[in-house]
């Protein structure tokens, strides 16, 4: 069979795959489109019994109500602090821990790795009440620490397990050559190994950032009385009212919450692709 005939045979299958990919992309993007559209619609169109997938009179009133809410900026800053701290600290700890379980041999190493996997199987909801009493005993309720510590605990097992493959992919001969050239273990760790596994750190950081940024369960459970320590998802509760929900404000606040995630993803997308590719290859 000639190359031209093979292309003809493959072309219908390729077109079907591309069409399926477009349909999946449209299905994934439609809720985001509807969220932004609802945020831009005036109140009359949002409450209409005949919803339309467009608007001829876009309005920024919903966004104005969001930014006029008391402490909205404070909530936004708290979310940045919590998510940023979790991303940075978890990346550093996961890198050091992945290096330790990969480069060093010690007792119960396999058991420790299995425990990392088991930790991912425990539902977050099942641990919320025990974590609440733990934070109460440590005096961390109504503080940002009560949000940072649990997210660190939940993101580290996944990050360590994923980074283990990247550290393992670095040849030991490279480490030996660095030592022969006079590099110390610390210098090899941060100047040679760290840049090589950085794509993996980016991939795990995206997971940590999204899960922390969108967290509502811990924020609702651990921030009880001091609303100044609340995060951005808690700001959505302002627009849920007993008599009638402010859907325009809810959609506008959700849109504002989504923007930092999109910005973070755009900034790290190249590293993310290479990181996920390395993980699949391993």
C-alpha atoms as a PDB file:
ATOM      1  CA  UNK A   1       0.000   0.000   0.000  1.00  0.00           C
ATOM      2  CA  UNK A   2       1.427   3.377  -1.008  1.00  0.00           C
ATOM      3  CA  UNK A   3       1.846   6.301   1.355  1.00  0.00           C
ATOM      4  CA  UNK A   4      -0.883   8.257  -0.430  1.00  0.00           C
ATOM      5  CA  UNK A   5      -3.396   5.428  -0.051  1.00  0.00           C
ATOM      6  CA  UNK A   6      -2.497   5.073   3.637  1.00  0.00           C
ATOM      7  CA  UNK A   7      -3.222   8.768   4.145  1.00  0.00           C
ATOM      8  CA  UNK A   8      -6.584   8.325   2.450  1.00  0.00           C
ATOM      9  CA  UNK A   9      -7.421   5.433   4.749  1.00  0.00           C
ATOM     10  CA  UNK A  10      -6.384   7.316   7.875  1.00  0.00           C
ATOM     11  CA  UNK A  11      -8.037  10.590   6.948  1.00  0.00           C
ATOM     12  CA  UNK A  12     -11.646   9.655   7.904  1.00  0.00           C
ATOM     13  CA  UNK A  13     -10.450   8.360  11.265  1.00  0.00           C
ATOM     14  CA  UNK A  14      -8.412  11.495  11.847  1.00  0.00           C
ATOM     15  CA  UNK A  15     -11.371  13.712  10.974  1.00  0.00           C
ATOM     16  CA  UNK A  16     -13.578  11.747  13.366  1.00  0.00           C
ATOM     17  CA  UNK A  17     -10.992  12.120  16.143  1.00  0.00           C
ATOM     18  CA  UNK A  18     -10.700  15.856  15.552  1.00  0.00           C
ATOM     19  CA  UNK A  19     -14.482  16.246  15.515  1.00  0.00           C
ATOM     20  CA  UNK A  20     -14.746  14.307  18.777  1.00  0.00           C
ATOM     21  CA  UNK A  21     -12.026  16.478  20.314  1.00  0.00           C
ATOM     22  CA  UNK A  22     -13.883  19.634  19.277  1.00  0.00           C
ATOM     23  CA  UNK A  23     -17.123  18.338  20.766  1.00  0.00           C
ATOM     24  CA  UNK A  24     -15.405  17.474  24.042  1.00  0.00           C
ATOM     25  CA  UNK A  25     -13.705  20.881  24.134  1.00  0.00           C
ATOM     26  CA  UNK A  26     -17.028  22.612  23.502  1.00  0.00           C
ATOM     27  CA  UNK A  27     -18.728  20.591  26.244  1.00  0.00           C
ATOM     28  CA  UNK A  28     -15.961  21.511  28.693  1.00  0.00           C
ATOM     29  CA  UNK A  29     -15.909  25.193  27.717  1.00  0.00           C
ATOM     30  CA  UNK A  30     -19.689  25.698  27.655  1.00  0.00           C
ATOM     31  CA  UNK A  31     -20.132  25.953  31.463  1.00  0.00           C
ATOM     32  CA  UNK A  32     -17.402  28.607  31.552  1.00  0.00           C
ATOM     33  CA  UNK A  33     -19.079  30.481  28.725  1.00  0.00           C
ATOM     34  CA  UNK A  34     -22.456  30.318  30.479  1.00  0.00           C
ATOM     35  CA  UNK A  35     -20.894  31.518  33.726  1.00  0.00           C
ATOM     36  CA  UNK A  36     -19.360  34.596  32.080  1.00  0.00           C
ATOM     37  CA  UNK A  37     -22.529  35.209  30.057  1.00  0.00           C
ATOM     38  CA  UNK A  38     -24.704  35.076  33.179  1.00  0.00           C
ATOM     39  CA  UNK A  39     -22.335  37.484  34.917  1.00  0.00           C
ATOM     40  CA  UNK A  40     -22.789  39.968  32.058  1.00  0.00           C
ATOM     41  CA  UNK A  41     -26.561  39.606  31.727  1.00  0.00           C
ATOM     42  CA  UNK A  42     -28.865  42.145  33.389  1.00  0.00           C
ATOM     43  CA  UNK A  43     -31.074  40.862  36.196  1.00  0.00           C
ATOM     44  CA  UNK A  44     -34.150  40.619  33.980  1.00  0.00           C
ATOM     45  CA  UNK A  45     -32.502  38.229  31.530  1.00  0.00           C
ATOM     46  CA  UNK A  46     -30.992  36.026  34.255  1.00  0.00           C
ATOM     47  CA  UNK A  47     -34.400  35.484  35.862  1.00  0.00           C
ATOM     48  CA  UNK A  48     -36.153  34.975  32.539  1.00  0.00           C
ATOM     49  CA  UNK A  49     -37.950  31.675  31.992  1.00  0.00           C
ATOM     50  CA  UNK A  50     -36.680  31.678  28.402  1.00  0.00           C
ATOM     51  CA  UNK A  51     -32.870  31.663  28.730  1.00  0.00           C
ATOM     52  CA  UNK A  52     -30.850  32.538  25.649  1.00  0.00           C
ATOM     53  CA  UNK A  53     -27.170  31.754  24.980  1.00  0.00           C
ATOM     54  CA  UNK A  54     -26.444  35.411  24.260  1.00  0.00           C
ATOM     55  CA  UNK A  55     -27.267  38.893  25.489  1.00  0.00           C
ATOM     56  CA  UNK A  56     -27.842  42.097  23.550  1.00  0.00           C
ATOM     57  CA  UNK A  57     -27.421  44.370  26.550  1.00  0.00           C
ATOM     58  CA  UNK A  58     -24.355  43.288  28.554  1.00  0.00           C
ATOM     59  CA  UNK A  59     -23.979  44.892  31.959  1.00  0.00           C
ATOM     60  CA  UNK A  60     -21.235  45.087  34.592  1.00  0.00           C
ATOM     61  CA  UNK A  61     -23.665  45.561  37.471  1.00  0.00           C
ATOM     62  CA  UNK A  62     -23.019  42.061  38.806  1.00  0.00           C
ATOM     63  CA  UNK A  63     -19.267  42.681  38.920  1.00  0.00           C
ATOM     64  CA  UNK A  64     -19.900  46.027  40.602  1.00  0.00           C
ATOM     65  CA  UNK A  65     -21.908  44.325  43.346  1.00  0.00           C
ATOM     66  CA  UNK A  66     -19.112  41.814  43.826  1.00  0.00           C
ATOM     67  CA  UNK A  67     -16.373  44.397  44.261  1.00  0.00           C
ATOM     68  CA  UNK A  68     -18.578  46.518  46.491  1.00  0.00           C
ATOM     69  CA  UNK A  69     -18.904  43.694  48.995  1.00  0.00           C
ATOM     70  CA  UNK A  70     -17.145  44.330  52.272  1.00  0.00           C
ATOM     71  CA  UNK A  71     -13.818  42.527  52.682  1.00  0.00           C
ATOM     72  CA  UNK A  72     -13.921  41.056  49.168  1.00  0.00           C
ATOM     73  CA  UNK A  73     -10.365  42.241  48.599  1.00  0.00           C
ATOM     74  CA  UNK A  74      -9.381  40.724  51.929  1.00  0.00           C
ATOM     75  CA  UNK A  75     -10.865  37.381  50.914  1.00  0.00           C
ATOM     76  CA  UNK A  76      -8.972  37.521  47.635  1.00  0.00           C
ATOM     77  CA  UNK A  77      -5.687  38.265  49.420  1.00  0.00           C
ATOM     78  CA  UNK A  78      -6.267  35.441  51.903  1.00  0.00           C
ATOM     79  CA  UNK A  79      -6.803  33.002  49.046  1.00  0.00           C
ATOM     80  CA  UNK A  80      -3.572  34.141  47.410  1.00  0.00           C
ATOM     81  CA  UNK A  81      -1.663  33.742  50.675  1.00  0.00           C
ATOM     82  CA  UNK A  82      -3.024  30.262  51.362  1.00  0.00           C
ATOM     83  CA  UNK A  83      -2.638  28.964  47.799  1.00  0.00           C
ATOM     84  CA  UNK A  84       0.800  30.538  47.327  1.00  0.00           C
ATOM     85  CA  UNK A  85       2.100  29.157  50.620  1.00  0.00           C
ATOM     86  CA  UNK A  86       0.809  25.666  49.875  1.00  0.00           C
ATOM     87  CA  UNK A  87       2.329  25.684  46.378  1.00  0.00           C
ATOM     88  CA  UNK A  88       5.779  26.880  47.472  1.00  0.00           C
ATOM     89  CA  UNK A  89       6.100  24.830  50.663  1.00  0.00           C
ATOM     90  CA  UNK A  90       4.690  21.639  49.167  1.00  0.00           C
ATOM     91  CA  UNK A  91       6.994  21.934  46.150  1.00  0.00           C
ATOM     92  CA  UNK A  92      10.102  22.291  48.320  1.00  0.00           C
ATOM     93  CA  UNK A  93       9.159  19.511  50.735  1.00  0.00           C
ATOM     94  CA  UNK A  94       8.064  17.188  47.931  1.00  0.00           C
ATOM     95  CA  UNK A  95      11.317  17.763  46.044  1.00  0.00           C
ATOM     96  CA  UNK A  96      13.456  16.943  49.084  1.00  0.00           C
ATOM     97  CA  UNK A  97      11.291  13.964  50.069  1.00  0.00           C
ATOM     98  CA  UNK A  98      11.222  12.560  46.513  1.00  0.00           C
ATOM     99  CA  UNK A  99      15.011  12.849  46.359  1.00  0.00           C
ATOM    100  CA  UNK A 100      15.345  11.055  49.691  1.00  0.00           C
ATOM    101  CA  UNK A 101      13.096   8.102  48.817  1.00  0.00           C
ATOM    102  CA  UNK A 102      14.730   7.750  45.390  1.00  0.00           C
ATOM    103  CA  UNK A 103      18.437   8.275  46.053  1.00  0.00           C
ATOM    104  CA  UNK A 104      18.755   6.761  49.527  1.00  0.00           C
ATOM    105  CA  UNK A 105      18.019   3.266  50.745  1.00  0.00           C
ATOM    106  CA  UNK A 106      16.555   2.885  54.210  1.00  0.00           C
ATOM    107  CA  UNK A 107      14.188   0.612  56.072  1.00  0.00           C
ATOM    108  CA  UNK A 108      10.471   0.825  55.334  1.00  0.00           C
ATOM    109  CA  UNK A 109      11.042   2.878  52.198  1.00  0.00           C
ATOM    110  CA  UNK A 110       8.603   0.766  50.196  1.00  0.00           C
ATOM    111  CA  UNK A 111       6.108   0.920  53.047  1.00  0.00           C
ATOM    112  CA  UNK A 112       6.387   4.689  53.073  1.00  0.00           C
ATOM    113  CA  UNK A 113       5.702   4.900  49.342  1.00  0.00           C
ATOM    114  CA  UNK A 114       2.662   2.658  49.714  1.00  0.00           C
ATOM    115  CA  UNK A 115       1.392   4.901  52.496  1.00  0.00           C
ATOM    116  CA  UNK A 116       1.610   7.839  50.096  1.00  0.00           C
ATOM    117  CA  UNK A 117      -0.773   6.022  47.764  1.00  0.00           C
ATOM    118  CA  UNK A 118      -3.092   4.967  50.569  1.00  0.00           C
ATOM    119  CA  UNK A 119      -3.303   8.575  51.754  1.00  0.00           C
ATOM    120  CA  UNK A 120      -4.792   9.534  48.385  1.00  0.00           C
ATOM    121  CA  UNK A 121      -7.607   7.025  48.833  1.00  0.00           C
ATOM    122  CA  UNK A 122      -9.002   8.560  52.017  1.00  0.00           C
ATOM    123  CA  UNK A 123     -11.921  10.935  51.309  1.00  0.00           C
ATOM    124  CA  UNK A 124     -11.400  14.488  52.468  1.00  0.00           C
ATOM    125  CA  UNK A 125     -14.887  14.571  53.982  1.00  0.00           C
ATOM    126  CA  UNK A 126     -14.029  11.649  56.278  1.00  0.00           C
ATOM    127  CA  UNK A 127     -11.116  13.590  57.798  1.00  0.00           C
ATOM    128  CA  UNK A 128     -12.782  16.979  58.174  1.00  0.00           C
ATOM    129  CA  UNK A 129     -14.155  16.373  61.672  1.00  0.00           C
ATOM    130  CA  UNK A 130     -10.896  14.870  63.053  1.00  0.00           C
ATOM    131  CA  UNK A 131      -8.970  17.757  61.505  1.00  0.00           C
ATOM    132  CA  UNK A 132     -11.379  20.217  63.104  1.00  0.00           C
ATOM    133  CA  UNK A 133     -10.626  18.853  66.593  1.00  0.00           C
ATOM    134  CA  UNK A 134      -6.913  18.766  65.771  1.00  0.00           C
ATOM    135  CA  UNK A 135      -6.921  22.419  64.724  1.00  0.00           C
ATOM    136  CA  UNK A 136      -8.943  23.311  67.811  1.00  0.00           C
ATOM    137  CA  UNK A 137      -6.428  21.617  70.095  1.00  0.00           C
ATOM    138  CA  UNK A 138      -3.553  23.399  68.353  1.00  0.00           C
ATOM    139  CA  UNK A 139      -5.357  26.740  68.601  1.00  0.00           C
ATOM    140  CA  UNK A 140      -5.402  27.198  64.836  1.00  0.00           C
ATOM    141  CA  UNK A 141      -9.128  27.688  64.283  1.00  0.00           C
ATOM    142  CA  UNK A 142     -10.043  30.997  62.610  1.00  0.00           C
ATOM    143  CA  UNK A 143      -6.531  31.350  61.214  1.00  0.00           C
ATOM    144  CA  UNK A 144      -5.063  30.855  57.754  1.00  0.00           C
ATOM    145  CA  UNK A 145      -2.850  28.161  59.238  1.00  0.00           C
ATOM    146  CA  UNK A 146      -5.908  25.928  59.629  1.00  0.00           C
ATOM    147  CA  UNK A 147      -6.284  26.051  55.831  1.00  0.00           C
ATOM    148  CA  UNK A 148      -2.611  25.816  54.907  1.00  0.00           C
ATOM    149  CA  UNK A 149      -1.703  22.769  57.014  1.00  0.00           C
ATOM    150  CA  UNK A 150      -4.473  20.410  55.786  1.00  0.00           C
ATOM    151  CA  UNK A 151      -3.853  21.289  52.147  1.00  0.00           C
ATOM    152  CA  UNK A 152      -0.143  20.648  52.618  1.00  0.00           C
ATOM    153  CA  UNK A 153      -0.952  17.252  54.097  1.00  0.00           C
ATOM    154  CA  UNK A 154      -3.242  16.323  51.198  1.00  0.00           C
ATOM    155  CA  UNK A 155      -1.036  17.642  48.372  1.00  0.00           C
ATOM    156  CA  UNK A 156       2.312  16.229  49.535  1.00  0.00           C
ATOM    157  CA  UNK A 157       1.653  12.485  48.943  1.00  0.00           C
ATOM    158  CA  UNK A 158       0.652  13.083  45.323  1.00  0.00           C
ATOM    159  CA  UNK A 159       3.550  15.481  44.746  1.00  0.00           C
ATOM    160  CA  UNK A 160       6.140  13.165  46.278  1.00  0.00           C
ATOM    161  CA  UNK A 161       4.926  10.161  44.311  1.00  0.00           C
ATOM    162  CA  UNK A 162       4.910  12.075  41.046  1.00  0.00           C
ATOM    163  CA  UNK A 163       8.300  13.749  41.579  1.00  0.00           C
ATOM    164  CA  UNK A 164       9.836  10.398  42.436  1.00  0.00           C
ATOM    165  CA  UNK A 165       9.657   9.455  38.754  1.00  0.00           C
ATOM    166  CA  UNK A 166      11.436  12.645  37.690  1.00  0.00           C
ATOM    167  CA  UNK A 167      14.233  12.213  40.229  1.00  0.00           C
ATOM    168  CA  UNK A 168      14.627   8.569  39.262  1.00  0.00           C
ATOM    169  CA  UNK A 169      14.945   9.545  35.587  1.00  0.00           C
ATOM    170  CA  UNK A 170      18.086  11.600  36.324  1.00  0.00           C
ATOM    171  CA  UNK A 171      21.077   9.242  35.764  1.00  0.00           C
ATOM    172  CA  UNK A 172      23.196   8.491  38.781  1.00  0.00           C
ATOM    173  CA  UNK A 173      26.223   8.919  36.534  1.00  0.00           C
ATOM    174  CA  UNK A 174      25.408  12.616  36.358  1.00  0.00           C
ATOM    175  CA  UNK A 175      25.526  12.824  40.134  1.00  0.00           C
ATOM    176  CA  UNK A 176      28.835  10.965  40.266  1.00  0.00           C
ATOM    177  CA  UNK A 177      30.304  13.260  37.592  1.00  0.00           C
ATOM    178  CA  UNK A 178      29.241  16.302  39.612  1.00  0.00           C
ATOM    179  CA  UNK A 179      30.963  14.930  42.708  1.00  0.00           C
ATOM    180  CA  UNK A 180      34.144  14.236  40.732  1.00  0.00           C
ATOM    181  CA  UNK A 181      34.118  17.848  39.534  1.00  0.00           C
ATOM    182  CA  UNK A 182      34.039  19.003  43.135  1.00  0.00           C
ATOM    183  CA  UNK A 183      30.333  19.763  43.566  1.00  0.00           C
ATOM    184  CA  UNK A 184      28.902  19.183  47.012  1.00  0.00           C
ATOM    185  CA  UNK A 185      25.671  17.300  47.599  1.00  0.00           C
ATOM    186  CA  UNK A 186      23.852  20.582  48.266  1.00  0.00           C
ATOM    187  CA  UNK A 187      25.140  22.140  45.062  1.00  0.00           C
ATOM    188  CA  UNK A 188      24.157  19.106  43.021  1.00  0.00           C
ATOM    189  CA  UNK A 189      20.718  19.114  44.636  1.00  0.00           C
ATOM    190  CA  UNK A 190      19.834  22.741  43.870  1.00  0.00           C
ATOM    191  CA  UNK A 191      21.901  23.616  40.805  1.00  0.00           C
ATOM    192  CA  UNK A 192      21.677  20.380  38.811  1.00  0.00           C
ATOM    193  CA  UNK A 193      18.859  18.153  40.057  1.00  0.00           C
ATOM    194  CA  UNK A 194      16.332  20.890  40.821  1.00  0.00           C
ATOM    195  CA  UNK A 195      16.310  22.391  37.265  1.00  0.00           C
ATOM    196  CA  UNK A 196      15.979  18.909  35.765  1.00  0.00           C
ATOM    197  CA  UNK A 197      12.888  18.023  37.799  1.00  0.00           C
ATOM    198  CA  UNK A 198      11.380  21.524  37.635  1.00  0.00           C
ATOM    199  CA  UNK A 199       8.741  20.511  35.024  1.00  0.00           C
ATOM    200  CA  UNK A 200       7.484  17.922  37.485  1.00  0.00           C
ATOM    201  CA  UNK A 201       7.341  20.555  40.208  1.00  0.00           C
ATOM    202  CA  UNK A 202       5.204  22.722  37.947  1.00  0.00           C
ATOM    203  CA  UNK A 203       2.783  19.880  37.276  1.00  0.00           C
ATOM    204  CA  UNK A 204       2.336  19.150  40.975  1.00  0.00           C
ATOM    205  CA  UNK A 205       2.085  22.867  41.752  1.00  0.00           C
ATOM    206  CA  UNK A 206      -0.889  23.229  39.394  1.00  0.00           C
ATOM    207  CA  UNK A 207      -2.672  20.445  41.261  1.00  0.00           C
ATOM    208  CA  UNK A 208      -1.898  22.037  44.625  1.00  0.00           C
ATOM    209  CA  UNK A 209      -2.933  25.510  43.508  1.00  0.00           C
ATOM    210  CA  UNK A 210      -6.279  24.489  42.018  1.00  0.00           C
ATOM    211  CA  UNK A 211      -7.307  22.274  44.937  1.00  0.00           C
ATOM    212  CA  UNK A 212      -6.347  24.952  47.478  1.00  0.00           C
ATOM    213  CA  UNK A 213      -7.801  27.905  45.584  1.00  0.00           C
ATOM    214  CA  UNK A 214     -11.187  26.249  45.090  1.00  0.00           C
ATOM    215  CA  UNK A 215     -11.442  24.861  48.617  1.00  0.00           C
ATOM    216  CA  UNK A 216     -14.744  25.501  50.350  1.00  0.00           C
ATOM    217  CA  UNK A 217     -15.022  22.604  52.814  1.00  0.00           C
ATOM    218  CA  UNK A 218     -12.059  23.504  55.008  1.00  0.00           C
ATOM    219  CA  UNK A 219     -12.759  27.238  54.785  1.00  0.00           C
ATOM    220  CA  UNK A 220     -16.330  26.660  55.951  1.00  0.00           C
ATOM    221  CA  UNK A 221     -15.332  24.199  58.690  1.00  0.00           C
ATOM    222  CA  UNK A 222     -12.271  25.880  60.222  1.00  0.00           C
ATOM    223  CA  UNK A 223     -13.096  29.591  59.843  1.00  0.00           C
ATOM    224  CA  UNK A 224     -16.022  29.942  62.219  1.00  0.00           C
ATOM    225  CA  UNK A 225     -16.218  33.411  63.734  1.00  0.00           C
ATOM    226  CA  UNK A 226     -13.355  35.533  62.347  1.00  0.00           C
ATOM    227  CA  UNK A 227     -14.583  36.340  58.852  1.00  0.00           C
ATOM    228  CA  UNK A 228     -11.462  38.423  58.168  1.00  0.00           C
ATOM    229  CA  UNK A 229      -9.615  35.101  57.763  1.00  0.00           C
ATOM    230  CA  UNK A 230     -12.064  33.744  55.182  1.00  0.00           C
ATOM    231  CA  UNK A 231     -11.022  32.947  51.632  1.00  0.00           C
ATOM    232  CA  UNK A 232     -12.612  33.823  48.309  1.00  0.00           C
ATOM    233  CA  UNK A 233     -15.023  30.843  48.036  1.00  0.00           C
ATOM    234  CA  UNK A 234     -16.690  32.066  51.218  1.00  0.00           C
ATOM    235  CA  UNK A 235     -17.514  35.338  49.454  1.00  0.00           C
ATOM    236  CA  UNK A 236     -20.026  33.436  47.340  1.00  0.00           C
ATOM    237  CA  UNK A 237     -22.199  32.862  50.401  1.00  0.00           C
ATOM    238  CA  UNK A 238     -23.042  36.575  50.492  1.00  0.00           C
ATOM    239  CA  UNK A 239     -25.067  36.198  47.294  1.00  0.00           C
ATOM    240  CA  UNK A 240     -27.092  33.230  48.558  1.00  0.00           C
ATOM    241  CA  UNK A 241     -30.099  34.760  50.264  1.00  0.00           C
ATOM    242  CA  UNK A 242     -33.111  33.137  51.964  1.00  0.00           C
ATOM    243  CA  UNK A 243     -35.683  34.791  49.729  1.00  0.00           C
ATOM    244  CA  UNK A 244     -33.917  34.926  46.351  1.00  0.00           C
ATOM    245  CA  UNK A 245     -30.369  34.154  45.250  1.00  0.00           C
ATOM    246  CA  UNK A 246     -28.372  36.791  43.403  1.00  0.00           C
ATOM    247  CA  UNK A 247     -27.303  34.605  40.475  1.00  0.00           C
ATOM    248  CA  UNK A 248     -25.669  37.493  38.684  1.00  0.00           C
ATOM    249  CA  UNK A 249     -23.446  38.162  41.685  1.00  0.00           C
ATOM    250  CA  UNK A 250     -22.730  34.447  42.094  1.00  0.00           C
ATOM    251  CA  UNK A 251     -21.634  34.110  38.478  1.00  0.00           C
ATOM    252  CA  UNK A 252     -19.601  37.323  38.606  1.00  0.00           C
ATOM    253  CA  UNK A 253     -17.802  36.207  41.774  1.00  0.00           C
ATOM    254  CA  UNK A 254     -17.168  32.788  40.228  1.00  0.00           C
ATOM    255  CA  UNK A 255     -15.709  34.476  37.154  1.00  0.00           C
ATOM    256  CA  UNK A 256     -13.384  36.551  39.322  1.00  0.00           C
ATOM    257  CA  UNK A 257     -12.328  33.374  41.143  1.00  0.00           C
ATOM    258  CA  UNK A 258     -11.547  31.628  37.865  1.00  0.00           C
ATOM    259  CA  UNK A 259      -9.254  34.360  36.489  1.00  0.00           C
ATOM    260  CA  UNK A 260      -6.248  33.660  38.788  1.00  0.00           C
ATOM    261  CA  UNK A 261      -6.427  29.955  37.953  1.00  0.00           C
ATOM    262  CA  UNK A 262      -6.392  30.721  34.230  1.00  0.00           C
ATOM    263  CA  UNK A 263      -3.515  33.178  34.645  1.00  0.00           C
ATOM    264  CA  UNK A 264      -1.508  30.659  36.656  1.00  0.00           C
ATOM    265  CA  UNK A 265      -2.185  27.957  34.072  1.00  0.00           C
ATOM    266  CA  UNK A 266      -1.155  30.191  31.155  1.00  0.00           C
ATOM    267  CA  UNK A 267       2.101  31.114  32.904  1.00  0.00           C
ATOM    268  CA  UNK A 268       3.113  27.494  33.490  1.00  0.00           C
ATOM    269  CA  UNK A 269       1.462  25.700  30.561  1.00  0.00           C
ATOM    270  CA  UNK A 270       4.695  24.915  28.704  1.00  0.00           C
ATOM    271  CA  UNK A 271       6.339  23.503  31.781  1.00  0.00           C
ATOM    272  CA  UNK A 272       3.124  21.688  32.626  1.00  0.00           C
ATOM    273  CA  UNK A 273       2.993  19.874  29.272  1.00  0.00           C
ATOM    274  CA  UNK A 274       6.608  18.752  29.548  1.00  0.00           C
ATOM    275  CA  UNK A 275       6.054  17.739  33.150  1.00  0.00           C
ATOM    276  CA  UNK A 276       3.007  15.605  32.386  1.00  0.00           C
ATOM    277  CA  UNK A 277       4.837  14.122  29.389  1.00  0.00           C
ATOM    278  CA  UNK A 278       7.738  13.155  31.624  1.00  0.00           C
ATOM    279  CA  UNK A 279       5.398  11.580  34.122  1.00  0.00           C
ATOM    280  CA  UNK A 280       3.678   9.506  31.442  1.00  0.00           C
ATOM    281  CA  UNK A 281       7.018   8.472  29.966  1.00  0.00           C
ATOM    282  CA  UNK A 282       8.250   7.311  33.352  1.00  0.00           C
END
